[in-house]
Amino acid sequence: MRTLAMDTSAAQGSIALLDGDHLLAQHTFQGSTGHAVLLPQLCQQLLDGAGWQPQEIQLLAICNGPGAFAGLRIAFAFAQGFSLAHAIPIVGLSTLELLAAQCPPESDWIGVLVDARRSEIFAALYQRDNQQPLLRYGPGAALTPQNWLTALQHWPWPDGAHLTLTGNALHTYPELLHHPWPLPCQSSAAPLWSVDPALLGRLAQQKWRQLPEPKTLLTTLLDYQRRPDAEPPTSLKRPS
């Protein structure tokens, strides 16, 4: 399935082009203010490199959040326009679930931490057991690092459990790695703290195949987890 995957949920954006599970090309780019300009240009470069026309894409994959509000909207709006122009379906996946899925297979408990700004993080706890699908505990809500630490400090950890932390909030709050955890704790490798667009594309293909019929072009909505930092005014008042 020819898939264009894109992630602009953080300052580092990424895109990938896949033919089934086979990765043809991928690219990362920095600077959230430039995502709206860079994303269309880089997507066209990848298509040109593969010799594909836009209408030959069969699936669009995006991160639907949580993450940077402006960044999430950029990829979503671009995918919507691409979808409407060429009748290509869009599949969205959770940023938190993707980061958890990227952790090494020996990671049995995974804490995913994404920088939410405002001195908060988007956090979720996942469990991996016997190669079964990841089990998620908690809503992945925005909260302070201290509140998340308190919640996990009282978590009923099973004997022999190990905790792996991942996500770009570890850049902002490195002290989370040095917290006196009640169980062995380590971090994933720093490159895994950002979304892998190739994995995004592969998991989106799996999700698309599992969706019931009849399928629609738009199968996802953005998951902000809280109100945006900046919102348009709800009403205009005449100055007195």
Foldseek 3Di string as FASTA:
>chain_A
DWEWEWEQQEQKIKIWTDDALRTDDMDIDGGSVCCLPVVVVVVVVSCVVVVHDLLPHAEYEYAQDDGAPSRNVSSVVVLVVSCVVNVHAYFYDHQQLQLVVPFDPVQAKEWEWEDPPVQWTQIWIWGQDPNDRIDIDDDSAIDHPVVVVVVQQPDPDDPPHEYEYAAPCCVVCVCVQVPPHPHHYYYGPNVSNGGDRSVRGNVRVVVVVPDDPPDHRYDDHHDNNDDHPDDDDPDDDDDD
